[in-house]
Amino acid sequence: MLNKPPKKKRPHNKLLVLTAASFQMGVTIYLGSYLGDYLESTFLGASGHVKTACVVLSVFISIYMMIKQTKKLNDD
């Protein structure tokens, strides 16, 4: 039988991972802003508080995802 040697895992390029994470943060915050605009224009009128709440929530979500990815990157 032919025994193939196991493939070596290439390490992640840390700069590439962190660059992708920054774009992910930007997209998350943009989508939070878009969701806030949509909710205000469709359901609530122009109070301005819903958009602010959605943006703040999306910032917290993006920070959480960044911390999670950097922990995973440091563990590797």
PDB file of N, CA and C in Angstrom:
ATOM      1  N   MET A   1       0.831  -1.172   0.000  1.00  0.00           N
ATOM      2  CA  MET A   1       0.000   0.000   0.000  1.00  0.00           C
ATOM      3  C   MET A   1       0.876   1.235   0.000  1.00  0.00           C
ATOM      4  N   LEU A   2       0.327   2.267  -0.560  1.00  0.00           N
ATOM      5  CA  LEU A   2       1.056   3.523  -0.604  1.00  0.00           C
ATOM      6  C   LEU A   2       0.635   4.388   0.573  1.00  0.00           C
ATOM      7  N   ASN A   3       1.581   4.699   1.387  1.00  0.00           N
ATOM      8  CA  ASN A   3       1.315   5.597   2.513  1.00  0.00           C
ATOM      9  C   ASN A   3       1.805   6.986   2.144  1.00  0.00           C
ATOM     10  N   LYS A   4       0.881   7.885   2.034  1.00  0.00           N
ATOM     11  CA  LYS A   4       1.240   9.254   1.695  1.00  0.00           C
ATOM     12  C   LYS A   4       1.602   9.989   2.978  1.00  0.00           C
ATOM     13  N   PRO A   5       2.641  10.772   2.927  1.00  0.00           N
ATOM     14  CA  PRO A   5       2.962  11.567   4.123  1.00  0.00           C
ATOM     15  C   PRO A   5       1.883  12.626   4.336  1.00  0.00           C
ATOM     16  N   PRO A   6       1.590  12.928   5.578  1.00  0.00           N
ATOM     17  CA  PRO A   6       0.548  13.939   5.831  1.00  0.00           C
ATOM     18  C   PRO A   6       0.992  15.298   5.307  1.00  0.00           C
ATOM     19  N   LYS A   7       0.030  16.014   4.775  1.00  0.00           N
ATOM     20  CA  LYS A   7       0.323  17.349   4.257  1.00  0.00           C
ATOM     21  C   LYS A   7       0.588  18.301   5.414  1.00  0.00           C
ATOM     22  N   LYS A   8       1.596  19.110   5.248  1.00  0.00           N
ATOM     23  CA  LYS A   8       1.911  20.100   6.269  1.00  0.00           C
ATOM     24  C   LYS A   8       0.956  21.283   6.116  1.00  0.00           C
ATOM     25  N   LYS A   9       0.454  21.726   7.235  1.00  0.00           N
ATOM     26  CA  LYS A   9      -0.422  22.887   7.210  1.00  0.00           C
ATOM     27  C   LYS A   9       0.424  24.143   7.083  1.00  0.00           C
ATOM     28  N   ARG A  10       0.093  24.957   6.123  1.00  0.00           N
ATOM     29  CA  ARG A  10       0.802  26.215   5.983  1.00  0.00           C
ATOM     30  C   ARG A  10       0.292  27.191   7.036  1.00  0.00           C
ATOM     31  N   PRO A  11       1.172  27.885   7.687  1.00  0.00           N
ATOM     32  CA  PRO A  11       0.706  28.850   8.694  1.00  0.00           C
ATOM     33  C   PRO A  11       0.009  30.030   8.016  1.00  0.00           C
ATOM     34  N   HIS A  12      -0.950  30.573   8.721  1.00  0.00           N
ATOM     35  CA  HIS A  12      -1.673  31.730   8.195  1.00  0.00           C
ATOM     36  C   HIS A  12      -0.743  32.935   8.171  1.00  0.00           C
ATOM     37  N   ASN A  13      -0.881  33.717   7.139  1.00  0.00           N
ATOM     38  CA  ASN A  13      -0.166  34.977   7.091  1.00  0.00           C
ATOM     39  C   ASN A  13      -0.912  35.948   8.008  1.00  0.00           C
ATOM     40  N   LYS A  14      -0.276  36.348   9.103  1.00  0.00           N
ATOM     41  CA  LYS A  14      -0.963  37.141  10.121  1.00  0.00           C
ATOM     42  C   LYS A  14      -1.418  38.496   9.582  1.00  0.00           C
ATOM     43  N   LEU A  15      -0.625  39.085   8.730  1.00  0.00           N
ATOM     44  CA  LEU A  15      -1.007  40.374   8.168  1.00  0.00           C
ATOM     45  C   LEU A  15      -2.254  40.246   7.301  1.00  0.00           C
ATOM     46  N   LEU A  16      -2.335  39.189   6.539  1.00  0.00           N
ATOM     47  CA  LEU A  16      -3.502  38.970   5.686  1.00  0.00           C
ATOM     48  C   LEU A  16      -4.759  38.743   6.518  1.00  0.00           C
ATOM     49  N   VAL A  17      -4.632  37.986   7.595  1.00  0.00           N
ATOM     50  CA  VAL A  17      -5.783  37.714   8.459  1.00  0.00           C
ATOM     51  C   VAL A  17      -6.270  38.998   9.119  1.00  0.00           C
ATOM     52  N   LEU A  18      -5.354  39.824   9.597  1.00  0.00           N
ATOM     53  CA  LEU A  18      -5.761  41.065  10.260  1.00  0.00           C
ATOM     54  C   LEU A  18      -6.330  42.084   9.272  1.00  0.00           C
ATOM     55  N   THR A  19      -5.819  42.087   8.053  1.00  0.00           N
ATOM     56  CA  THR A  19      -6.380  42.970   7.034  1.00  0.00           C
ATOM     57  C   THR A  19      -7.808  42.558   6.689  1.00  0.00           C
ATOM     58  N   ALA A  20      -8.023  41.273   6.548  1.00  0.00           N
ATOM     59  CA  ALA A  20      -9.379  40.787   6.271  1.00  0.00           C
ATOM     60  C   ALA A  20     -10.319  41.100   7.437  1.00  0.00           C
ATOM     61  N   ALA A  21      -9.805  41.011   8.661  1.00  0.00           N
ATOM     62  CA  ALA A  21     -10.637  41.307   9.825  1.00  0.00           C
ATOM     63  C   ALA A  21     -11.043  42.781   9.858  1.00  0.00           C
ATOM     64  N   SER A  22     -10.150  43.664   9.413  1.00  0.00           N
ATOM     65  CA  SER A  22     -10.513  45.084   9.398  1.00  0.00           C
ATOM     66  C   SER A  22     -11.607  45.358   8.363  1.00  0.00           C
ATOM     67  N   PHE A  23     -11.534  44.705   7.205  1.00  0.00           N
ATOM     68  CA  PHE A  23     -12.605  44.853   6.220  1.00  0.00           C
ATOM     69  C   PHE A  23     -13.917  44.284   6.757  1.00  0.00           C
ATOM     70  N   GLN A  24     -13.825  43.191   7.500  1.00  0.00           N
ATOM     71  CA  GLN A  24     -15.016  42.596   8.094  1.00  0.00           C
ATOM     72  C   GLN A  24     -15.638  43.559   9.110  1.00  0.00           C
ATOM     73  N   MET A  25     -14.812  44.244   9.869  1.00  0.00           N
ATOM     74  CA  MET A  25     -15.326  45.235  10.816  1.00  0.00           C
ATOM     75  C   MET A  25     -16.061  46.357  10.080  1.00  0.00           C
ATOM     76  N   GLY A  26     -15.463  46.836   9.003  1.00  0.00           N
ATOM     77  CA  GLY A  26     -16.090  47.907   8.242  1.00  0.00           C
ATOM     78  C   GLY A  26     -17.426  47.498   7.655  1.00  0.00           C
ATOM     79  N   VAL A  27     -17.497  46.288   7.128  1.00  0.00           N
ATOM     80  CA  VAL A  27     -18.750  45.799   6.541  1.00  0.00           C
ATOM     81  C   VAL A  27     -19.814  45.632   7.622  1.00  0.00           C
ATOM     82  N   THR A  28     -19.423  45.136   8.787  1.00  0.00           N
ATOM     83  CA  THR A  28     -20.380  44.949   9.879  1.00  0.00           C
ATOM     84  C   THR A  28     -20.957  46.285  10.334  1.00  0.00           C
ATOM     85  N   ILE A  29     -20.112  47.291  10.468  1.00  0.00           N
ATOM     86  CA  ILE A  29     -20.579  48.606  10.903  1.00  0.00           C
ATOM     87  C   ILE A  29     -21.458  49.241   9.823  1.00  0.00           C
ATOM     88  N   TYR A  30     -21.079  49.082   8.563  1.00  0.00           N
ATOM     89  CA  TYR A  30     -21.904  49.613   7.473  1.00  0.00           C
ATOM     90  C   TYR A  30     -23.283  48.957   7.456  1.00  0.00           C
ATOM     91  N   LEU A  31     -23.325  47.639   7.623  1.00  0.00           N
ATOM     92  CA  LEU A  31     -24.617  46.952   7.625  1.00  0.00           C
ATOM     93  C   LEU A  31     -25.473  47.368   8.815  1.00  0.00           C
ATOM     94  N   GLY A  32     -24.843  47.635   9.964  1.00  0.00           N
ATOM     95  CA  GLY A  32     -25.587  48.140  11.112  1.00  0.00           C
ATOM     96  C   GLY A  32     -26.187  49.501  10.834  1.00  0.00           C
ATOM     97  N   SER A  33     -25.428  50.359  10.157  1.00  0.00           N
ATOM     98  CA  SER A  33     -25.940  51.676   9.787  1.00  0.00           C
ATOM     99  C   SER A  33     -27.079  51.566   8.780  1.00  0.00           C
ATOM    100  N   TYR A  34     -26.910  50.673   7.821  1.00  0.00           N
ATOM    101  CA  TYR A  34     -27.953  50.475   6.808  1.00  0.00           C
ATOM    102  C   TYR A  34     -29.229  49.926   7.451  1.00  0.00           C
ATOM    103  N   LEU A  35     -29.073  48.985   8.374  1.00  0.00           N
ATOM    104  CA  LEU A  35     -30.231  48.438   9.080  1.00  0.00           C
ATOM    105  C   LEU A  35     -30.941  49.524   9.885  1.00  0.00           C
ATOM    106  N   GLY A  36     -30.170  50.389  10.547  1.00  0.00           N
ATOM    107  CA  GLY A  36     -30.774  51.492  11.305  1.00  0.00           C
ATOM    108  C   GLY A  36     -31.537  52.444  10.412  1.00  0.00           C
ATOM    109  N   ASP A  37     -30.972  52.769   9.254  1.00  0.00           N
ATOM    110  CA  ASP A  37     -31.684  53.631   8.296  1.00  0.00           C
ATOM    111  C   ASP A  37     -32.976  52.983   7.826  1.00  0.00           C
ATOM    112  N   TYR A  38     -32.898  51.700   7.520  1.00  0.00           N
ATOM    113  CA  TYR A  38     -34.078  50.984   7.030  1.00  0.00           C
ATOM    114  C   TYR A  38     -35.176  50.956   8.096  1.00  0.00           C
ATOM    115  N   LEU A  39     -34.802  50.637   9.333  1.00  0.00           N
ATOM    116  CA  LEU A  39     -35.801  50.575  10.400  1.00  0.00           C
ATOM    117  C   LEU A  39     -36.428  51.937  10.655  1.00  0.00           C
ATOM    118  N   GLU A  40     -35.616  52.985  10.629  1.00  0.00           N
ATOM    119  CA  GLU A  40     -36.169  54.321  10.862  1.00  0.00           C
ATOM    120  C   GLU A  40     -37.095  54.764   9.742  1.00  0.00           C
ATOM    121  N   SER A  41     -36.690  54.501   8.515  1.00  0.00           N
ATOM    122  CA  SER A  41     -37.523  54.967   7.407  1.00  0.00           C
ATOM    123  C   SER A  41     -38.789  54.141   7.254  1.00  0.00           C
ATOM    124  N   THR A  42     -38.740  52.880   7.630  1.00  0.00           N
ATOM    125  CA  THR A  42     -39.899  52.014   7.425  1.00  0.00           C
ATOM    126  C   THR A  42     -40.878  52.065   8.588  1.00  0.00           C
ATOM    127  N   PHE A  43     -40.371  51.993   9.816  1.00  0.00           N
ATOM    128  CA  PHE A  43     -41.278  51.802  10.947  1.00  0.00           C
ATOM    129  C   PHE A  43     -41.381  52.989  11.894  1.00  0.00           C
ATOM    130  N   LEU A  44     -40.306  53.691  12.141  1.00  0.00           N
ATOM    131  CA  LEU A  44     -40.296  54.575  13.295  1.00  0.00           C
ATOM    132  C   LEU A  44     -40.263  56.065  12.997  1.00  0.00           C
ATOM    133  N   GLY A  45     -40.066  56.468  11.812  1.00  0.00           N
ATOM    134  CA  GLY A  45     -39.937  57.890  11.535  1.00  0.00           C
ATOM    135  C   GLY A  45     -38.482  58.318  11.692  1.00  0.00           C
ATOM    136  N   ALA A  46     -38.246  59.600  11.751  1.00  0.00           N
ATOM    137  CA  ALA A  46     -36.876  60.116  11.754  1.00  0.00           C
ATOM    138  C   ALA A  46     -36.436  60.540  13.147  1.00  0.00           C
ATOM    139  N   SER A  47     -36.470  59.643  14.100  1.00  0.00           N
ATOM    140  CA  SER A  47     -36.060  60.012  15.455  1.00  0.00           C
ATOM    141  C   SER A  47     -34.543  60.010  15.612  1.00  0.00           C
ATOM    142  N   GLY A  48     -33.837  59.142  14.898  1.00  0.00           N
ATOM    143  CA  GLY A  48     -32.388  59.122  14.951  1.00  0.00           C
ATOM    144  C   GLY A  48     -31.807  58.208  15.995  1.00  0.00           C
ATOM    145  N   HIS A  49     -32.608  57.754  16.927  1.00  0.00           N
ATOM    146  CA  HIS A  49     -32.082  56.918  18.010  1.00  0.00           C
ATOM    147  C   HIS A  49     -31.901  55.468  17.597  1.00  0.00           C
ATOM    148  N   VAL A  50     -32.710  54.995  16.697  1.00  0.00           N
ATOM    149  CA  VAL A  50     -32.613  53.599  16.271  1.00  0.00           C
ATOM    150  C   VAL A  50     -31.343  53.385  15.462  1.00  0.00           C
ATOM    151  N   LYS A  51     -31.035  54.310  14.582  1.00  0.00           N
ATOM    152  CA  LYS A  51     -29.810  54.188  13.787  1.00  0.00           C
ATOM    153  C   LYS A  51     -28.587  54.220  14.701  1.00  0.00           C
ATOM    154  N   THR A  52     -28.588  55.111  15.664  1.00  0.00           N
ATOM    155  CA  THR A  52     -27.471  55.193  16.603  1.00  0.00           C
ATOM    156  C   THR A  52     -27.315  53.895  17.387  1.00  0.00           C
ATOM    157  N   ALA A  53     -28.426  53.333  17.832  1.00  0.00           N
ATOM    158  CA  ALA A  53     -28.375  52.081  18.586  1.00  0.00           C
ATOM    159  C   ALA A  53     -27.863  50.940  17.717  1.00  0.00           C
ATOM    160  N   CYS A  54     -28.290  50.888  16.477  1.00  0.00           N
ATOM    161  CA  CYS A  54     -27.824  49.829  15.571  1.00  0.00           C
ATOM    162  C   CYS A  54     -26.337  49.968  15.270  1.00  0.00           C
ATOM    163  N   VAL A  55     -25.857  51.186  15.105  1.00  0.00           N
ATOM    164  CA  VAL A  55     -24.435  51.396  14.834  1.00  0.00           C
ATOM    165  C   VAL A  55     -23.601  51.017  16.048  1.00  0.00           C
ATOM    166  N   VAL A  56     -24.031  51.417  17.227  1.00  0.00           N
ATOM    167  CA  VAL A  56     -23.289  51.069  18.445  1.00  0.00           C
ATOM    168  C   VAL A  56     -23.271  49.559  18.646  1.00  0.00           C
ATOM    169  N   LEU A  57     -24.396  48.916  18.415  1.00  0.00           N
ATOM    170  CA  LEU A  57     -24.452  47.457  18.535  1.00  0.00           C
ATOM    171  C   LEU A  57     -23.533  46.784  17.522  1.00  0.00           C
ATOM    172  N   SER A  58     -23.508  47.285  16.304  1.00  0.00           N
ATOM    173  CA  SER A  58     -22.633  46.690  15.289  1.00  0.00           C
ATOM    174  C   SER A  58     -21.162  46.934  15.605  1.00  0.00           C
ATOM    175  N   VAL A  59     -20.827  48.056  16.233  1.00  0.00           N
ATOM    176  CA  VAL A  59     -19.443  48.297  16.658  1.00  0.00           C
ATOM    177  C   VAL A  59     -19.038  47.283  17.717  1.00  0.00           C
ATOM    178  N   PHE A  60     -19.904  47.036  18.689  1.00  0.00           N
ATOM    179  CA  PHE A  60     -19.595  46.047  19.719  1.00  0.00           C
ATOM    180  C   PHE A  60     -19.451  44.643  19.121  1.00  0.00           C
ATOM    181  N   ILE A  61     -20.305  44.311  18.177  1.00  0.00           N
ATOM    182  CA  ILE A  61     -20.218  43.001  17.517  1.00  0.00           C
ATOM    183  C   ILE A  61     -18.908  42.879  16.746  1.00  0.00           C
ATOM    184  N   SER A  62     -18.522  43.934  16.038  1.00  0.00           N
ATOM    185  CA  SER A  62     -17.282  43.864  15.262  1.00  0.00           C
ATOM    186  C   SER A  62     -16.054  43.804  16.162  1.00  0.00           C
ATOM    187  N   ILE A  63     -16.074  44.500  17.302  1.00  0.00           N
ATOM    188  CA  ILE A  63     -14.960  44.406  18.250  1.00  0.00           C
ATOM    189  C   ILE A  63     -14.877  43.004  18.825  1.00  0.00           C
ATOM    190  N   TYR A  64     -16.015  42.412  19.147  1.00  0.00           N
ATOM    191  CA  TYR A  64     -16.029  41.044  19.664  1.00  0.00           C
ATOM    192  C   TYR A  64     -15.452  40.069  18.643  1.00  0.00           C
ATOM    193  N   MET A  65     -15.841  40.227  17.373  1.00  0.00           N
ATOM    194  CA  MET A  65     -15.312  39.333  16.331  1.00  0.00           C
ATOM    195  C   MET A  65     -13.804  39.521  16.153  1.00  0.00           C
ATOM    196  N   MET A  66     -13.330  40.764  16.267  1.00  0.00           N
ATOM    197  CA  MET A  66     -11.895  41.026  16.130  1.00  0.00           C
ATOM    198  C   MET A  66     -11.122  40.387  17.283  1.00  0.00           C
ATOM    199  N   ILE A  67     -11.625  40.503  18.492  1.00  0.00           N
ATOM    200  CA  ILE A  67     -10.958  39.885  19.641  1.00  0.00           C
ATOM    201  C   ILE A  67     -10.930  38.375  19.480  1.00  0.00           C
ATOM    202  N   LYS A  68     -12.031  37.804  19.045  1.00  0.00           N
ATOM    203  CA  LYS A  68     -12.101  36.357  18.846  1.00  0.00           C
ATOM    204  C   LYS A  68     -11.102  35.891  17.789  1.00  0.00           C
ATOM    205  N   GLN A  69     -10.972  36.633  16.688  1.00  0.00           N
ATOM    206  CA  GLN A  69     -10.043  36.247  15.630  1.00  0.00           C
ATOM    207  C   GLN A  69      -8.588  36.409  16.068  1.00  0.00           C
ATOM    208  N   THR A  70      -8.284  37.457  16.825  1.00  0.00           N
ATOM    209  CA  THR A  70      -6.901  37.633  17.264  1.00  0.00           C
ATOM    210  C   THR A  70      -6.507  36.586  18.298  1.00  0.00           C
ATOM    211  N   LYS A  71      -7.448  36.174  19.149  1.00  0.00           N
ATOM    212  CA  LYS A  71      -7.158  35.079  20.082  1.00  0.00           C
ATOM    213  C   LYS A  71      -6.854  33.798  19.324  1.00  0.00           C
ATOM    214  N   LYS A  72      -7.661  33.526  18.310  1.00  0.00           N
ATOM    215  CA  LYS A  72      -7.446  32.326  17.500  1.00  0.00           C
ATOM    216  C   LYS A  72      -6.110  32.404  16.757  1.00  0.00           C
ATOM    217  N   LEU A  73      -5.759  33.583  16.289  1.00  0.00           N
ATOM    218  CA  LEU A  73      -4.495  33.776  15.580  1.00  0.00           C
ATOM    219  C   LEU A  73      -3.303  33.581  16.522  1.00  0.00           C
ATOM    220  N   ASN A  74      -3.432  34.043  17.747  1.00  0.00           N
ATOM    221  CA  ASN A  74      -2.349  33.870  18.718  1.00  0.00           C
ATOM    222  C   ASN A  74      -2.197  32.423  19.177  1.00  0.00           C
ATOM    223  N   ASP A  75      -3.302  31.682  19.191  1.00  0.00           N
ATOM    224  CA  ASP A  75      -3.242  30.278  19.601  1.00  0.00           C
ATOM    225  C   ASP A  75      -2.533  29.403  18.564  1.00  0.00           C
ATOM    226  N   ASP A  76      -2.607  29.804  17.308  1.00  0.00           N
ATOM    227  CA  ASP A  76      -1.970  29.016  16.244  1.00  0.00           C
ATOM    228  C   ASP A  76      -0.503  29.157  16.243  1.00  0.00           C
TER     229      ASP A  76
END
